[in-house]
């Protein structure tokens, strides 16, 4: 069995979606300053790095992140490799490459390379999922759909139709994956958000891993 950590490293230089809070990690207490322990202060948005979107992210009164089904967040997942020439994943591509009935689909695209380098910057031309693909996956019974950048939807979408198509059906959206080391195939996904009980419950950072089945 091999374990792949498909989470993005969090630091002050990790890109965030424009308009979201930046990431700040600083010392609150320090052994070097004579304190009894090291304690760090973390300041970041709920959609920093690798994270999940809950229905409450775009739908008023909908399910919050602490209500997400653990059965959706853990289980077999298909990693689908998208050629670099494709920047919009549509229903035709999903129909051809996503195995029917798969409950968890993760798209590995050219986006994963955006995480390379010491100081990556936000890229607005990321590969995304369109409405037709989202509707196809809904019809196939998906419980979770993931992609390897900070949004599953085209940059600066005015309607958020991809998010709404998935979240309105209770499908978890997993964003900000780093799939550079992972090949196409079937894996076990383990993806657990923080149990955030206050705020709007719109999402949470996660530590996501994939395990081979043998």
N, C-alpha and C. Protein backbone atom coordinates (compact mmCIF):
# COMPACT_ATOMS: atom_id res chain seq x y z
N UNK A 1 0.85 -1.20 0.00
CA UNK A 1 0.00 0.00 0.00
C UNK A 1 0.88 1.25 0.00
N UNK A 2 0.56 2.19 -0.86
CA UNK A 2 1.30 3.45 -0.91
C UNK A 2 0.36 4.59 -0.56
N UNK A 3 0.87 5.54 0.18
CA UNK A 3 0.07 6.70 0.60
C UNK A 3 0.61 7.94 -0.11
N UNK A 4 -0.29 8.69 -0.74
CA UNK A 4 0.06 9.95 -1.39
C UNK A 4 -0.60 11.10 -0.61
N UNK A 5 0.20 12.03 -0.19
CA UNK A 5 -0.33 13.25 0.42
C UNK A 5 -0.65 14.22 -0.71
N UNK A 6 -1.92 14.49 -0.94
CA UNK A 6 -2.33 15.34 -2.06
C UNK A 6 -2.80 16.71 -1.56
N UNK A 7 -2.30 17.09 -0.39
CA UNK A 7 -2.63 18.38 0.21
C UNK A 7 -1.56 19.41 -0.15
N UNK A 8 -1.97 20.64 -0.28
CA UNK A 8 -1.06 21.75 -0.53
C UNK A 8 -0.43 22.20 0.79
N UNK A 9 0.85 22.49 0.77
CA UNK A 9 1.53 23.03 1.95
C UNK A 9 1.01 24.44 2.23
N UNK A 10 0.74 24.72 3.50
CA UNK A 10 0.22 26.04 3.89
C UNK A 10 1.34 26.89 4.46
N UNK A 11 1.52 28.06 3.89
CA UNK A 11 2.49 29.03 4.40
C UNK A 11 2.03 30.41 3.94
N UNK A 12 2.77 31.43 4.36
CA UNK A 12 2.41 32.80 3.97
C UNK A 12 2.52 33.02 2.46
N UNK A 13 3.25 32.16 1.77
CA UNK A 13 3.41 32.32 0.32
C UNK A 13 2.46 31.44 -0.49
N UNK A 14 1.63 30.65 0.17
CA UNK A 14 0.66 29.83 -0.56
C UNK A 14 -0.39 30.73 -1.19
N UNK A 15 -0.63 30.61 -2.49
CA UNK A 15 -1.63 31.48 -3.13
C UNK A 15 -3.03 31.24 -2.55
N UNK A 16 -3.80 32.29 -2.50
CA UNK A 16 -5.21 32.18 -2.13
C UNK A 16 -6.05 32.80 -3.24
N UNK A 17 -7.33 32.44 -3.26
CA UNK A 17 -8.21 32.97 -4.29
C UNK A 17 -8.36 34.48 -4.09
N UNK A 18 -8.27 35.28 -5.17
CA UNK A 18 -8.38 36.74 -5.03
C UNK A 18 -9.63 37.15 -4.26
N UNK A 19 -9.44 38.00 -3.27
CA UNK A 19 -10.54 38.46 -2.44
C UNK A 19 -10.66 37.69 -1.14
N UNK A 20 -10.06 36.49 -1.06
CA UNK A 20 -10.06 35.72 0.18
C UNK A 20 -8.92 36.21 1.08
N UNK A 21 -9.01 35.91 2.39
CA UNK A 21 -7.91 36.32 3.28
C UNK A 21 -6.61 35.65 2.89
N UNK A 22 -5.52 36.36 3.08
CA UNK A 22 -4.22 35.74 2.93
C UNK A 22 -3.92 34.85 4.13
N UNK A 23 -2.86 34.07 4.01
CA UNK A 23 -2.48 33.16 5.08
C UNK A 23 -1.40 33.81 5.95
N UNK A 24 -1.66 33.82 7.25
CA UNK A 24 -0.69 34.35 8.21
C UNK A 24 -0.43 33.29 9.27
N UNK A 25 0.82 32.93 9.46
CA UNK A 25 1.21 31.98 10.51
C UNK A 25 2.33 32.62 11.30
N UNK A 26 2.05 32.93 12.56
CA UNK A 26 3.07 33.61 13.36
C UNK A 26 3.11 33.06 14.78
N UNK A 27 4.15 33.41 15.46
CA UNK A 27 4.34 32.93 16.81
C UNK A 27 3.45 33.68 17.79
N UNK A 28 2.72 32.96 18.63
CA UNK A 28 1.92 33.53 19.71
C UNK A 28 2.68 33.44 21.03
N UNK A 29 3.28 32.25 21.26
CA UNK A 29 4.18 32.05 22.37
C UNK A 29 5.43 31.37 21.83
N UNK A 30 6.56 31.60 22.49
CA UNK A 30 7.81 31.06 21.95
C UNK A 30 8.76 30.64 23.08
N UNK A 31 9.30 29.44 22.95
CA UNK A 31 10.32 29.00 23.91
C UNK A 31 11.52 29.94 23.87
N UNK A 32 11.83 30.44 22.68
CA UNK A 32 12.99 31.34 22.54
C UNK A 32 12.80 32.64 23.29
N UNK A 33 11.53 33.01 23.52
CA UNK A 33 11.23 34.24 24.26
C UNK A 33 11.00 33.98 25.73
N UNK A 34 11.21 32.75 26.18
CA UNK A 34 11.04 32.42 27.59
C UNK A 34 9.68 31.88 27.95
N UNK A 35 8.81 31.69 26.97
CA UNK A 35 7.50 31.10 27.26
C UNK A 35 7.65 29.61 27.54
N UNK A 36 6.63 29.02 28.12
CA UNK A 36 6.70 27.61 28.52
C UNK A 36 6.49 26.65 27.36
N UNK A 37 6.02 27.18 26.21
CA UNK A 37 5.75 26.32 25.05
C UNK A 37 5.73 27.17 23.79
N UNK A 38 5.89 26.52 22.66
CA UNK A 38 5.66 27.17 21.38
C UNK A 38 4.18 27.06 21.01
N UNK A 39 3.57 28.18 20.67
CA UNK A 39 2.17 28.21 20.23
C UNK A 39 2.09 29.13 19.02
N UNK A 40 1.54 28.63 17.93
CA UNK A 40 1.42 29.43 16.71
C UNK A 40 0.00 29.96 16.55
N UNK A 41 -0.10 31.12 15.95
CA UNK A 41 -1.39 31.71 15.59
C UNK A 41 -1.59 31.53 14.09
N UNK A 42 -2.71 30.92 13.71
CA UNK A 42 -3.05 30.72 12.30
C UNK A 42 -4.18 31.65 11.91
N UNK A 43 -3.98 32.40 10.83
CA UNK A 43 -5.02 33.28 10.33
C UNK A 43 -5.17 33.01 8.84
N UNK A 44 -6.34 32.51 8.45
CA UNK A 44 -6.57 32.16 7.04
C UNK A 44 -8.06 32.00 6.79
N UNK A 45 -8.44 32.03 5.54
CA UNK A 45 -9.82 31.79 5.17
C UNK A 45 -10.13 30.30 5.18
N UNK A 46 -11.41 29.99 5.21
CA UNK A 46 -11.85 28.60 5.24
C UNK A 46 -11.55 27.87 3.94
N UNK A 47 -11.24 28.63 2.88
CA UNK A 47 -11.00 28.03 1.56
C UNK A 47 -9.53 28.16 1.16
N UNK A 48 -8.66 28.11 2.15
CA UNK A 48 -7.21 28.18 1.92
C UNK A 48 -6.66 26.81 1.60
N UNK A 49 -5.71 26.77 0.66
CA UNK A 49 -5.04 25.51 0.35
C UNK A 49 -6.04 24.45 -0.07
N UNK A 50 -5.77 23.22 0.31
CA UNK A 50 -6.68 22.11 0.03
C UNK A 50 -7.87 22.21 0.98
N UNK A 51 -9.07 22.25 0.44
CA UNK A 51 -10.23 22.52 1.27
C UNK A 51 -11.50 21.94 0.65
N UNK A 52 -12.54 21.84 1.46
CA UNK A 52 -13.85 21.44 0.96
C UNK A 52 -14.81 22.61 1.02
N UNK A 53 -15.73 22.61 0.05
CA UNK A 53 -16.86 23.53 0.05
C UNK A 53 -18.09 22.78 0.56
N UNK A 54 -18.77 23.36 1.53
CA UNK A 54 -20.04 22.83 1.98
C UNK A 54 -21.17 23.56 1.24
N UNK A 55 -22.38 22.99 1.23
CA UNK A 55 -23.49 23.67 0.56
C UNK A 55 -23.70 25.11 1.02
N UNK A 56 -23.41 25.40 2.30
CA UNK A 56 -23.60 26.75 2.84
C UNK A 56 -22.69 27.77 2.18
N UNK A 57 -21.70 27.32 1.43
CA UNK A 57 -20.78 28.25 0.76
C UNK A 57 -21.54 29.14 -0.23
N UNK A 58 -22.55 28.58 -0.90
CA UNK A 58 -23.28 29.35 -1.91
C UNK A 58 -24.79 29.34 -1.72
N UNK A 59 -25.28 28.58 -0.75
CA UNK A 59 -26.73 28.42 -0.61
C UNK A 59 -27.12 28.78 0.82
N UNK A 60 -27.91 29.83 0.98
CA UNK A 60 -28.33 30.27 2.32
C UNK A 60 -29.14 29.19 3.02
N UNK A 61 -28.78 28.92 4.27
CA UNK A 61 -29.50 27.95 5.07
C UNK A 61 -29.21 26.50 4.75
N UNK A 62 -28.28 26.25 3.84
CA UNK A 62 -27.95 24.87 3.45
C UNK A 62 -26.96 24.26 4.42
N UNK A 63 -26.59 23.00 4.17
CA UNK A 63 -25.75 22.25 5.08
C UNK A 63 -24.40 22.90 5.34
N UNK A 64 -23.98 22.86 6.58
CA UNK A 64 -22.72 23.44 7.01
C UNK A 64 -21.61 22.39 6.98
N UNK A 65 -20.38 22.84 7.09
CA UNK A 65 -19.26 21.93 6.93
C UNK A 65 -19.27 20.83 7.99
N UNK A 66 -19.71 21.11 9.20
CA UNK A 66 -19.69 20.07 10.23
C UNK A 66 -20.75 19.00 9.99
N UNK A 67 -21.68 19.25 9.07
CA UNK A 67 -22.72 18.26 8.77
C UNK A 67 -22.37 17.38 7.57
N UNK A 68 -21.20 17.60 6.95
CA UNK A 68 -20.84 16.80 5.79
C UNK A 68 -20.69 15.33 6.17
N UNK A 69 -21.18 14.48 5.32
CA UNK A 69 -21.16 13.04 5.58
C UNK A 69 -19.74 12.50 5.51
N UNK A 70 -19.32 11.79 6.56
CA UNK A 70 -18.01 11.17 6.54
C UNK A 70 -17.95 10.10 5.46
N UNK A 71 -19.08 9.49 5.13
CA UNK A 71 -19.10 8.48 4.07
C UNK A 71 -18.78 9.10 2.71
N UNK A 72 -19.07 10.39 2.54
CA UNK A 72 -18.72 11.05 1.30
C UNK A 72 -17.23 11.39 1.24
N UNK A 73 -16.63 11.61 2.39
CA UNK A 73 -15.26 12.09 2.48
C UNK A 73 -14.22 10.98 2.53
N UNK A 74 -14.68 9.75 2.73
CA UNK A 74 -13.79 8.60 2.82
C UNK A 74 -14.32 7.49 1.92
N UNK A 75 -13.46 6.96 1.06
CA UNK A 75 -13.88 5.85 0.22
C UNK A 75 -13.18 5.85 -1.12
N UNK A 76 -13.56 4.93 -1.97
CA UNK A 76 -12.93 4.79 -3.28
C UNK A 76 -13.14 6.04 -4.13
N UNK A 77 -12.06 6.45 -4.80
CA UNK A 77 -12.11 7.62 -5.68
C UNK A 77 -11.38 7.31 -6.97
N UNK A 78 -11.92 7.81 -8.06
CA UNK A 78 -11.24 7.69 -9.35
C UNK A 78 -10.49 8.97 -9.66
N UNK A 79 -9.20 8.85 -9.93
CA UNK A 79 -8.42 9.99 -10.41
C UNK A 79 -8.45 9.96 -11.92
N UNK A 80 -8.95 11.04 -12.51
CA UNK A 80 -9.07 11.17 -13.95
C UNK A 80 -8.04 12.19 -14.42
N UNK A 81 -7.15 11.78 -15.33
CA UNK A 81 -6.14 12.69 -15.85
C UNK A 81 -6.71 13.44 -17.05
N UNK A 82 -6.63 14.76 -16.99
CA UNK A 82 -7.14 15.64 -18.05
C UNK A 82 -5.95 16.16 -18.86
N UNK A 83 -5.94 15.98 -20.17
CA UNK A 83 -4.83 16.48 -20.98
C UNK A 83 -4.64 17.99 -20.81
N UNK A 84 -3.39 18.43 -20.94
CA UNK A 84 -3.08 19.85 -20.78
C UNK A 84 -3.82 20.73 -21.78
N UNK A 85 -4.19 20.16 -22.92
CA UNK A 85 -4.87 20.93 -23.96
C UNK A 85 -6.31 21.26 -23.61
N UNK A 86 -6.84 20.59 -22.59
CA UNK A 86 -8.24 20.83 -22.18
C UNK A 86 -8.26 21.76 -20.99
N UNK A 87 -8.91 22.90 -21.13
CA UNK A 87 -9.03 23.85 -20.02
C UNK A 87 -10.45 23.93 -19.46
N UNK A 88 -11.41 23.34 -20.19
CA UNK A 88 -12.78 23.26 -19.69
C UNK A 88 -13.22 21.80 -19.73
N UNK A 89 -13.49 21.23 -18.57
CA UNK A 89 -13.97 19.86 -18.48
C UNK A 89 -15.48 19.88 -18.68
N UNK A 90 -15.95 19.29 -19.76
CA UNK A 90 -17.38 19.32 -20.08
C UNK A 90 -17.98 17.92 -19.98
N UNK A 91 -19.27 17.81 -20.28
CA UNK A 91 -19.97 16.55 -20.14
C UNK A 91 -19.40 15.49 -21.07
N UNK A 92 -18.99 15.89 -22.26
CA UNK A 92 -18.42 14.92 -23.20
C UNK A 92 -17.17 14.27 -22.63
N UNK A 93 -16.29 15.09 -22.04
CA UNK A 93 -15.08 14.54 -21.44
C UNK A 93 -15.44 13.66 -20.24
N UNK A 94 -16.33 14.14 -19.37
CA UNK A 94 -16.70 13.38 -18.18
C UNK A 94 -17.35 12.05 -18.55
N UNK A 95 -18.20 12.06 -19.55
CA UNK A 95 -18.88 10.84 -19.97
C UNK A 95 -17.88 9.81 -20.47
N UNK A 96 -16.86 10.27 -21.17
CA UNK A 96 -15.88 9.38 -21.77
C UNK A 96 -14.89 8.83 -20.75
N UNK A 97 -14.55 9.61 -19.72
CA UNK A 97 -13.43 9.25 -18.85
C UNK A 97 -13.82 8.90 -17.41
N UNK A 98 -14.97 9.32 -16.95
CA UNK A 98 -15.38 9.02 -15.57
C UNK A 98 -16.18 7.72 -15.56
N UNK A 99 -15.75 6.79 -14.74
CA UNK A 99 -16.44 5.50 -14.70
C UNK A 99 -17.85 5.68 -14.14
N UNK A 100 -18.86 5.13 -14.82
CA UNK A 100 -20.25 5.27 -14.35
C UNK A 100 -20.42 4.76 -12.92
N UNK A 101 -21.14 5.54 -12.13
CA UNK A 101 -21.43 5.13 -10.76
C UNK A 101 -20.35 5.42 -9.74
N UNK A 102 -19.22 5.95 -10.17
CA UNK A 102 -18.18 6.31 -9.21
C UNK A 102 -18.67 7.44 -8.32
N UNK A 103 -18.54 7.28 -7.00
CA UNK A 103 -19.08 8.26 -6.07
C UNK A 103 -18.12 9.42 -5.81
N UNK A 104 -16.84 9.19 -6.07
CA UNK A 104 -15.84 10.24 -5.85
C UNK A 104 -14.95 10.34 -7.07
N UNK A 105 -14.91 11.52 -7.66
CA UNK A 105 -14.13 11.77 -8.87
C UNK A 105 -13.16 12.91 -8.60
N UNK A 106 -11.88 12.70 -8.88
CA UNK A 106 -10.86 13.73 -8.72
C UNK A 106 -10.22 13.98 -10.08
N UNK A 107 -10.20 15.23 -10.51
CA UNK A 107 -9.63 15.59 -11.80
C UNK A 107 -8.21 16.11 -11.61
N UNK A 108 -7.26 15.39 -12.25
CA UNK A 108 -5.87 15.84 -12.28
C UNK A 108 -5.65 16.58 -13.59
N UNK A 109 -5.31 17.85 -13.51
CA UNK A 109 -5.18 18.70 -14.69
C UNK A 109 -3.81 19.38 -14.69
N UNK A 110 -3.60 20.23 -15.67
CA UNK A 110 -2.40 21.06 -15.71
C UNK A 110 -2.26 21.94 -14.48
N UNK A 111 -3.38 22.12 -13.76
CA UNK A 111 -3.37 22.97 -12.57
C UNK A 111 -2.36 22.50 -11.52
N UNK A 112 -2.18 21.19 -11.40
CA UNK A 112 -1.30 20.69 -10.35
C UNK A 112 0.10 21.27 -10.46
N UNK A 113 0.53 21.56 -11.68
CA UNK A 113 1.86 22.15 -11.86
C UNK A 113 1.94 23.58 -11.35
N UNK A 114 0.79 24.22 -11.15
CA UNK A 114 0.78 25.59 -10.62
C UNK A 114 1.29 25.64 -9.18
N UNK A 115 1.30 24.48 -8.50
CA UNK A 115 1.74 24.45 -7.10
C UNK A 115 3.26 24.31 -6.99
N UNK A 116 3.96 24.12 -8.10
CA UNK A 116 5.40 23.89 -8.04
C UNK A 116 6.14 25.21 -7.80
N UNK A 117 7.39 25.08 -7.38
CA UNK A 117 8.21 26.27 -7.12
C UNK A 117 8.12 26.72 -5.68
N UNK A 118 9.06 27.52 -5.28
CA UNK A 118 9.13 27.98 -3.90
C UNK A 118 8.05 29.01 -3.57
N UNK A 119 7.74 29.87 -4.53
CA UNK A 119 6.75 30.94 -4.28
C UNK A 119 5.74 31.00 -5.43
N UNK A 120 4.84 30.02 -5.50
CA UNK A 120 3.85 30.05 -6.58
C UNK A 120 2.91 31.24 -6.43
N UNK A 121 2.38 31.71 -7.54
CA UNK A 121 1.43 32.82 -7.52
C UNK A 121 0.11 32.33 -8.10
N UNK A 122 -0.97 33.03 -7.79
CA UNK A 122 -2.29 32.63 -8.27
C UNK A 122 -2.35 32.70 -9.79
N UNK A 123 -2.91 31.66 -10.38
CA UNK A 123 -3.09 31.58 -11.83
C UNK A 123 -4.58 31.63 -12.14
N UNK A 124 -5.01 32.60 -12.93
CA UNK A 124 -6.45 32.77 -13.20
C UNK A 124 -6.95 31.91 -14.36
N UNK A 125 -6.03 31.33 -15.13
CA UNK A 125 -6.45 30.55 -16.30
C UNK A 125 -6.51 29.06 -15.99
N UNK A 126 -6.87 28.72 -14.77
CA UNK A 126 -6.88 27.32 -14.35
C UNK A 126 -7.99 26.52 -15.08
N UNK A 127 -7.71 25.25 -15.26
CA UNK A 127 -8.70 24.33 -15.84
C UNK A 127 -9.85 24.16 -14.85
N UNK A 128 -11.07 24.12 -15.37
CA UNK A 128 -12.25 24.11 -14.51
C UNK A 128 -13.32 23.17 -15.07
N UNK A 129 -14.35 22.98 -14.29
CA UNK A 129 -15.49 22.12 -14.64
C UNK A 129 -16.65 22.99 -15.07
N UNK A 130 -17.30 22.66 -16.19
CA UNK A 130 -18.45 23.47 -16.59
C UNK A 130 -19.76 22.83 -16.10
N UNK A 131 -20.86 23.53 -16.35
CA UNK A 131 -22.15 23.08 -15.84
C UNK A 131 -22.54 21.72 -16.39
N UNK A 132 -22.27 21.48 -17.66
CA UNK A 132 -22.69 20.21 -18.25
C UNK A 132 -22.00 19.02 -17.59
N UNK A 133 -20.73 19.18 -17.26
CA UNK A 133 -20.01 18.11 -16.56
C UNK A 133 -20.55 17.93 -15.16
N UNK A 134 -20.82 19.03 -14.47
CA UNK A 134 -21.38 18.94 -13.12
C UNK A 134 -22.72 18.20 -13.14
N UNK A 135 -23.57 18.53 -14.10
CA UNK A 135 -24.88 17.88 -14.18
C UNK A 135 -24.74 16.39 -14.51
N UNK A 136 -23.77 16.06 -15.35
CA UNK A 136 -23.53 14.65 -15.65
C UNK A 136 -23.13 13.90 -14.38
N UNK A 137 -22.22 14.46 -13.59
CA UNK A 137 -21.77 13.79 -12.37
C UNK A 137 -22.89 13.68 -11.34
N UNK A 138 -23.74 14.69 -11.27
CA UNK A 138 -24.92 14.60 -10.41
C UNK A 138 -25.77 13.40 -10.82
N UNK A 139 -26.02 13.28 -12.11
CA UNK A 139 -26.83 12.18 -12.62
C UNK A 139 -26.22 10.82 -12.40
N UNK A 140 -24.89 10.76 -12.28
CA UNK A 140 -24.20 9.50 -12.05
C UNK A 140 -24.11 9.13 -10.57
N UNK A 141 -24.65 9.99 -9.70
CA UNK A 141 -24.67 9.67 -8.28
C UNK A 141 -23.42 10.04 -7.52
N UNK A 142 -22.66 11.01 -8.02
CA UNK A 142 -21.44 11.43 -7.33
C UNK A 142 -21.75 11.97 -5.94
N UNK A 143 -20.84 11.71 -5.00
CA UNK A 143 -20.93 12.27 -3.66
C UNK A 143 -19.86 13.34 -3.41
N UNK A 144 -18.78 13.26 -4.17
CA UNK A 144 -17.68 14.21 -4.01
C UNK A 144 -17.00 14.39 -5.36
N UNK A 145 -16.68 15.63 -5.69
CA UNK A 145 -15.96 15.96 -6.92
C UNK A 145 -14.80 16.87 -6.54
N UNK A 146 -13.60 16.52 -6.98
CA UNK A 146 -12.42 17.29 -6.62
C UNK A 146 -11.64 17.75 -7.83
N UNK A 147 -10.87 18.82 -7.64
CA UNK A 147 -10.02 19.35 -8.70
C UNK A 147 -8.77 19.94 -8.05
N UNK A 148 -7.74 20.13 -8.87
CA UNK A 148 -6.44 20.51 -8.35
C UNK A 148 -6.14 22.00 -8.42
N UNK A 149 -7.15 22.82 -8.13
CA UNK A 149 -6.89 24.24 -7.94
C UNK A 149 -7.91 24.83 -6.98
N UNK A 150 -7.82 26.13 -6.75
CA UNK A 150 -8.57 26.76 -5.67
C UNK A 150 -10.05 26.95 -5.95
N UNK A 151 -10.48 26.69 -7.17
CA UNK A 151 -11.90 26.70 -7.48
C UNK A 151 -12.18 25.66 -8.55
N UNK A 152 -13.33 25.05 -8.47
CA UNK A 152 -13.76 24.08 -9.49
C UNK A 152 -14.39 24.79 -10.68
N UNK A 153 -14.69 26.07 -10.49
CA UNK A 153 -15.44 26.84 -11.48
C UNK A 153 -14.55 27.87 -12.18
N UNK A 154 -14.91 28.23 -13.38
CA UNK A 154 -14.14 29.20 -14.14
C UNK A 154 -13.94 30.49 -13.34
N UNK A 155 -12.75 31.05 -13.45
CA UNK A 155 -12.41 32.26 -12.71
C UNK A 155 -13.40 33.39 -13.02
N UNK A 156 -13.84 34.06 -11.96
CA UNK A 156 -14.75 35.19 -12.04
C UNK A 156 -16.11 34.84 -12.66
N UNK A 157 -16.56 33.62 -12.42
CA UNK A 157 -17.91 33.26 -12.84
C UNK A 157 -18.92 34.15 -12.13
N UNK A 158 -19.90 34.63 -12.87
CA UNK A 158 -20.91 35.51 -12.27
C UNK A 158 -22.10 34.73 -11.74
N UNK A 159 -22.31 33.51 -12.24
CA UNK A 159 -23.49 32.73 -11.85
C UNK A 159 -23.18 31.59 -10.89
N UNK A 160 -21.94 31.17 -10.80
CA UNK A 160 -21.53 30.07 -9.93
C UNK A 160 -22.35 28.80 -10.20
N UNK A 161 -22.67 28.57 -11.47
CA UNK A 161 -23.58 27.49 -11.81
C UNK A 161 -22.99 26.11 -11.54
N UNK A 162 -21.68 25.96 -11.69
CA UNK A 162 -21.07 24.66 -11.39
C UNK A 162 -21.16 24.36 -9.91
N UNK A 163 -20.77 25.32 -9.08
CA UNK A 163 -20.91 25.14 -7.63
C UNK A 163 -22.35 24.82 -7.24
N UNK A 164 -23.27 25.58 -7.75
CA UNK A 164 -24.67 25.41 -7.35
C UNK A 164 -25.22 24.06 -7.80
N UNK A 165 -24.84 23.61 -8.99
CA UNK A 165 -25.32 22.31 -9.47
C UNK A 165 -24.88 21.18 -8.55
N UNK A 166 -23.65 21.27 -8.05
CA UNK A 166 -23.14 20.22 -7.17
C UNK A 166 -23.62 20.39 -5.73
N UNK A 167 -23.45 21.58 -5.19
CA UNK A 167 -23.77 21.80 -3.78
C UNK A 167 -25.26 21.67 -3.50
N UNK A 168 -26.11 22.04 -4.45
CA UNK A 168 -27.55 21.93 -4.25
C UNK A 168 -28.01 20.48 -4.11
N UNK A 169 -27.18 19.56 -4.58
CA UNK A 169 -27.48 18.13 -4.46
C UNK A 169 -26.68 17.48 -3.32
N UNK A 170 -26.05 18.29 -2.51
CA UNK A 170 -25.30 17.77 -1.36
C UNK A 170 -23.98 17.15 -1.72
N UNK A 171 -23.46 17.42 -2.91
CA UNK A 171 -22.18 16.87 -3.34
C UNK A 171 -21.05 17.73 -2.79
N UNK A 172 -20.11 17.10 -2.11
CA UNK A 172 -18.96 17.82 -1.56
C UNK A 172 -18.03 18.22 -2.69
N UNK A 173 -17.56 19.45 -2.67
CA UNK A 173 -16.55 19.93 -3.62
C UNK A 173 -15.21 20.00 -2.89
N UNK A 174 -14.23 19.31 -3.44
CA UNK A 174 -12.88 19.28 -2.87
C UNK A 174 -11.97 20.04 -3.82
N UNK A 175 -11.37 21.11 -3.34
CA UNK A 175 -10.56 22.00 -4.18
C UNK A 175 -9.14 22.13 -3.62
N UNK A 176 -8.24 22.56 -4.50
CA UNK A 176 -6.87 22.81 -4.07
C UNK A 176 -6.03 21.56 -3.88
N UNK A 177 -6.35 20.49 -4.59
CA UNK A 177 -5.53 19.28 -4.52
C UNK A 177 -4.20 19.47 -5.24
N UNK A 178 -3.22 18.71 -4.84
CA UNK A 178 -1.94 18.64 -5.55
C UNK A 178 -1.75 17.19 -5.98
N UNK A 179 -2.00 16.92 -7.25
CA UNK A 179 -2.00 15.56 -7.76
C UNK A 179 -0.79 15.26 -8.65
N UNK A 180 0.27 16.03 -8.49
CA UNK A 180 1.43 15.86 -9.36
C UNK A 180 2.02 14.46 -9.31
N UNK A 181 1.98 13.81 -8.16
CA UNK A 181 2.62 12.51 -8.00
C UNK A 181 1.68 11.34 -8.24
N UNK A 182 0.46 11.63 -8.61
CA UNK A 182 -0.57 10.58 -8.68
C UNK A 182 -0.91 10.28 -10.13
N UNK A 183 -1.00 9.01 -10.46
CA UNK A 183 -1.42 8.58 -11.79
C UNK A 183 -2.93 8.34 -11.83
N UNK A 184 -3.46 8.22 -13.02
CA UNK A 184 -4.86 7.86 -13.17
C UNK A 184 -5.11 6.50 -12.52
N UNK A 185 -6.29 6.33 -11.95
CA UNK A 185 -6.62 5.04 -11.35
C UNK A 185 -7.59 5.17 -10.20
N UNK A 186 -7.76 4.06 -9.49
CA UNK A 186 -8.67 3.99 -8.35
C UNK A 186 -7.86 3.95 -7.06
N UNK A 187 -8.22 4.82 -6.14
CA UNK A 187 -7.54 4.94 -4.85
C UNK A 187 -8.58 5.00 -3.74
N UNK A 188 -8.10 4.89 -2.50
CA UNK A 188 -8.93 5.22 -1.35
C UNK A 188 -8.64 6.67 -0.97
N UNK A 189 -9.67 7.49 -0.91
CA UNK A 189 -9.54 8.88 -0.50
C UNK A 189 -9.91 9.01 0.97
N UNK A 190 -9.09 9.72 1.71
CA UNK A 190 -9.39 10.11 3.08
C UNK A 190 -9.21 11.62 3.14
N UNK A 191 -10.28 12.32 3.45
CA UNK A 191 -10.30 13.78 3.33
C UNK A 191 -11.17 14.34 4.44
N UNK A 192 -10.56 14.86 5.50
CA UNK A 192 -11.33 15.24 6.68
C UNK A 192 -11.19 16.74 6.98
N UNK A 193 -12.30 17.47 6.94
CA UNK A 193 -12.28 18.89 7.31
C UNK A 193 -12.29 19.08 8.82
N UNK A 194 -11.92 20.26 9.26
CA UNK A 194 -12.06 20.61 10.67
C UNK A 194 -13.54 20.66 11.02
N UNK A 195 -13.85 20.31 12.25
CA UNK A 195 -15.25 20.32 12.71
C UNK A 195 -15.58 21.74 13.22
N UNK A 196 -15.76 22.64 12.28
CA UNK A 196 -15.99 24.05 12.59
C UNK A 196 -17.47 24.26 12.92
N UNK A 197 -17.76 24.72 14.14
CA UNK A 197 -19.14 24.81 14.59
C UNK A 197 -19.70 26.22 14.56
N UNK A 198 -18.87 27.23 14.32
CA UNK A 198 -19.37 28.61 14.29
C UNK A 198 -19.12 29.21 12.92
N UNK A 199 -19.53 30.47 12.76
CA UNK A 199 -19.43 31.09 11.45
C UNK A 199 -20.51 30.57 10.52
N UNK A 200 -20.32 30.78 9.24
CA UNK A 200 -21.35 30.38 8.27
C UNK A 200 -21.24 28.92 7.86
N UNK A 201 -20.14 28.25 8.26
CA UNK A 201 -20.02 26.83 7.94
C UNK A 201 -19.82 26.55 6.48
N UNK A 202 -19.18 27.49 5.76
CA UNK A 202 -19.09 27.41 4.30
C UNK A 202 -18.04 26.42 3.81
N UNK A 203 -17.04 26.11 4.64
CA UNK A 203 -16.00 25.18 4.20
C UNK A 203 -14.92 25.05 5.24
N UNK A 204 -13.87 24.31 4.88
CA UNK A 204 -12.77 24.11 5.81
C UNK A 204 -11.55 23.58 5.08
N UNK A 205 -10.34 23.99 5.53
CA UNK A 205 -9.14 23.31 5.06
C UNK A 205 -9.19 21.83 5.45
N UNK A 206 -8.50 20.99 4.66
CA UNK A 206 -8.46 19.56 4.94
C UNK A 206 -7.04 19.04 4.75
N UNK A 207 -6.77 17.89 5.31
CA UNK A 207 -5.60 17.09 4.94
C UNK A 207 -6.13 15.93 4.13
N UNK A 208 -5.79 15.88 2.88
CA UNK A 208 -6.31 14.86 1.98
C UNK A 208 -5.20 13.91 1.58
N UNK A 209 -5.49 12.61 1.65
CA UNK A 209 -4.54 11.61 1.20
C UNK A 209 -5.23 10.60 0.29
N UNK A 210 -4.42 9.98 -0.56
CA UNK A 210 -4.89 8.87 -1.39
C UNK A 210 -4.04 7.65 -1.05
N UNK A 211 -4.69 6.48 -0.94
CA UNK A 211 -3.99 5.23 -0.69
C UNK A 211 -4.27 4.26 -1.82
N UNK A 212 -3.24 3.57 -2.26
CA UNK A 212 -3.45 2.51 -3.23
C UNK A 212 -4.18 1.36 -2.55
N UNK A 213 -4.81 0.53 -3.34
CA UNK A 213 -5.65 -0.52 -2.80
C UNK A 213 -4.88 -1.81 -2.53
N UNK A 214 -3.60 -1.87 -2.90
CA UNK A 214 -2.85 -3.10 -2.64
C UNK A 214 -1.52 -2.80 -1.96
